[in-house]
């Protein structure tokens, strides 16, 4: 097998080493059983621990968002 795959029995005996390889190389490892892929072990994204602020920097404000606009909304008629 190549370095990006591991057998299920090898994973049982060398799980710590396989996990460390995923962490260090930041690449997925395919787990095989009887020569067939059955699962993938992938690194966790570097996402924030909480949802607060997760969209920071992804929104652009165009214009004044506080002052009323000169359009009458259908809901206020």
C-alpha atoms as a PDB file:
ATOM      1  CA  UNK A   1       0.000   0.000   0.000  1.00  0.00           C
ATOM      2  CA  UNK A   2       1.078   3.587  -0.525  1.00  0.00           C
ATOM      3  CA  UNK A   3       1.819   6.020   2.295  1.00  0.00           C
ATOM      4  CA  UNK A   4      -1.686   7.550   2.076  1.00  0.00           C
ATOM      5  CA  UNK A   5      -3.427   4.280   2.902  1.00  0.00           C
ATOM      6  CA  UNK A   6      -3.340   1.847   5.784  1.00  0.00           C
ATOM      7  CA  UNK A   7      -5.015  -1.497   6.435  1.00  0.00           C
ATOM      8  CA  UNK A   8      -7.605  -1.776   9.198  1.00  0.00           C
ATOM      9  CA  UNK A   9      -5.417  -4.196  11.165  1.00  0.00           C
ATOM     10  CA  UNK A  10      -2.409  -1.884  10.824  1.00  0.00           C
ATOM     11  CA  UNK A  11      -4.546   1.013  12.044  1.00  0.00           C
ATOM     12  CA  UNK A  12      -5.423  -0.997  15.171  1.00  0.00           C
ATOM     13  CA  UNK A  13      -1.793  -1.560  16.061  1.00  0.00           C
ATOM     14  CA  UNK A  14      -0.330   1.779  14.903  1.00  0.00           C
ATOM     15  CA  UNK A  15      -3.206   4.219  15.428  1.00  0.00           C
ATOM     16  CA  UNK A  16      -1.045   6.770  17.223  1.00  0.00           C
ATOM     17  CA  UNK A  17       1.506   6.843  14.424  1.00  0.00           C
ATOM     18  CA  UNK A  18      -1.183   7.087  11.752  1.00  0.00           C
ATOM     19  CA  UNK A  19      -2.894   9.956  13.573  1.00  0.00           C
ATOM     20  CA  UNK A  20       0.418  11.768  13.937  1.00  0.00           C
ATOM     21  CA  UNK A  21       1.066  11.322  10.196  1.00  0.00           C
ATOM     22  CA  UNK A  22      -2.323  12.901   9.390  1.00  0.00           C
ATOM     23  CA  UNK A  23      -1.642  15.803  11.750  1.00  0.00           C
ATOM     24  CA  UNK A  24       1.886  16.460  10.466  1.00  0.00           C
ATOM     25  CA  UNK A  25       1.241  16.042   6.728  1.00  0.00           C
ATOM     26  CA  UNK A  26      -2.295  17.560   6.760  1.00  0.00           C
ATOM     27  CA  UNK A  27      -3.338  14.869   4.242  1.00  0.00           C
ATOM     28  CA  UNK A  28      -6.009  12.190   4.401  1.00  0.00           C
ATOM     29  CA  UNK A  29      -5.256   8.515   4.966  1.00  0.00           C
ATOM     30  CA  UNK A  30      -7.486   5.887   3.369  1.00  0.00           C
ATOM     31  CA  UNK A  31      -8.284   2.874   5.549  1.00  0.00           C
ATOM     32  CA  UNK A  32      -8.594  -0.389   3.639  1.00  0.00           C
ATOM     33  CA  UNK A  33     -10.000  -3.774   4.513  1.00  0.00           C
ATOM     34  CA  UNK A  34      -9.121  -6.756   2.320  1.00  0.00           C
ATOM     35  CA  UNK A  35      -7.654  -4.365  -0.236  1.00  0.00           C
ATOM     36  CA  UNK A  36     -10.785  -2.226  -0.583  1.00  0.00           C
ATOM     37  CA  UNK A  37     -11.131   1.330   0.759  1.00  0.00           C
ATOM     38  CA  UNK A  38     -13.659   1.504   3.611  1.00  0.00           C
ATOM     39  CA  UNK A  39     -12.998   4.858   5.313  1.00  0.00           C
ATOM     40  CA  UNK A  40     -10.851   7.989   5.279  1.00  0.00           C
ATOM     41  CA  UNK A  41      -9.087   9.638   8.178  1.00  0.00           C
ATOM     42  CA  UNK A  42      -8.879  13.359   7.417  1.00  0.00           C
ATOM     43  CA  UNK A  43      -7.374  16.307   9.316  1.00  0.00           C
ATOM     44  CA  UNK A  44      -9.745  18.663  11.069  1.00  0.00           C
ATOM     45  CA  UNK A  45     -10.119  22.102   9.484  1.00  0.00           C
ATOM     46  CA  UNK A  46      -8.642  25.024  11.355  1.00  0.00           C
ATOM     47  CA  UNK A  47     -12.144  26.332  12.050  1.00  0.00           C
ATOM     48  CA  UNK A  48     -12.941  28.538  15.037  1.00  0.00           C
ATOM     49  CA  UNK A  49     -13.993  26.707  18.193  1.00  0.00           C
ATOM     50  CA  UNK A  50     -17.306  28.596  18.304  1.00  0.00           C
ATOM     51  CA  UNK A  51     -19.731  29.873  15.724  1.00  0.00           C
ATOM     52  CA  UNK A  52     -19.411  33.446  17.008  1.00  0.00           C
ATOM     53  CA  UNK A  53     -17.484  35.432  14.427  1.00  0.00           C
ATOM     54  CA  UNK A  54     -17.272  32.615  11.901  1.00  0.00           C
ATOM     55  CA  UNK A  55     -18.414  34.912   9.049  1.00  0.00           C
ATOM     56  CA  UNK A  56     -16.105  37.777  10.000  1.00  0.00           C
ATOM     57  CA  UNK A  57     -14.711  39.398   6.864  1.00  0.00           C
ATOM     58  CA  UNK A  58     -17.183  37.756   4.499  1.00  0.00           C
ATOM     59  CA  UNK A  59     -19.778  40.563   4.436  1.00  0.00           C
ATOM     60  CA  UNK A  60     -19.379  43.955   2.790  1.00  0.00           C
ATOM     61  CA  UNK A  61     -21.622  46.834   3.873  1.00  0.00           C
ATOM     62  CA  UNK A  62     -22.476  49.178   1.016  1.00  0.00           C
ATOM     63  CA  UNK A  63     -23.927  52.469   2.183  1.00  0.00           C
ATOM     64  CA  UNK A  64     -25.596  53.486   5.439  1.00  0.00           C
ATOM     65  CA  UNK A  65     -27.324  50.611   7.225  1.00  0.00           C
ATOM     66  CA  UNK A  66     -28.850  52.780   9.984  1.00  0.00           C
ATOM     67  CA  UNK A  67     -30.715  55.565   8.183  1.00  0.00           C
ATOM     68  CA  UNK A  68     -34.079  54.770   6.546  1.00  0.00           C
ATOM     69  CA  UNK A  69     -34.176  54.493   2.788  1.00  0.00           C
ATOM     70  CA  UNK A  70     -36.470  56.527   0.531  1.00  0.00           C
ATOM     71  CA  UNK A  71     -38.491  53.474  -0.509  1.00  0.00           C
ATOM     72  CA  UNK A  72     -41.873  52.607   0.972  1.00  0.00           C
ATOM     73  CA  UNK A  73     -42.011  48.954   1.825  1.00  0.00           C
ATOM     74  CA  UNK A  74     -45.081  46.987   0.864  1.00  0.00           C
ATOM     75  CA  UNK A  75     -45.360  45.663   4.407  1.00  0.00           C
ATOM     76  CA  UNK A  76     -45.754  49.188   5.863  1.00  0.00           C
ATOM     77  CA  UNK A  77     -48.623  50.236   3.585  1.00  0.00           C
END
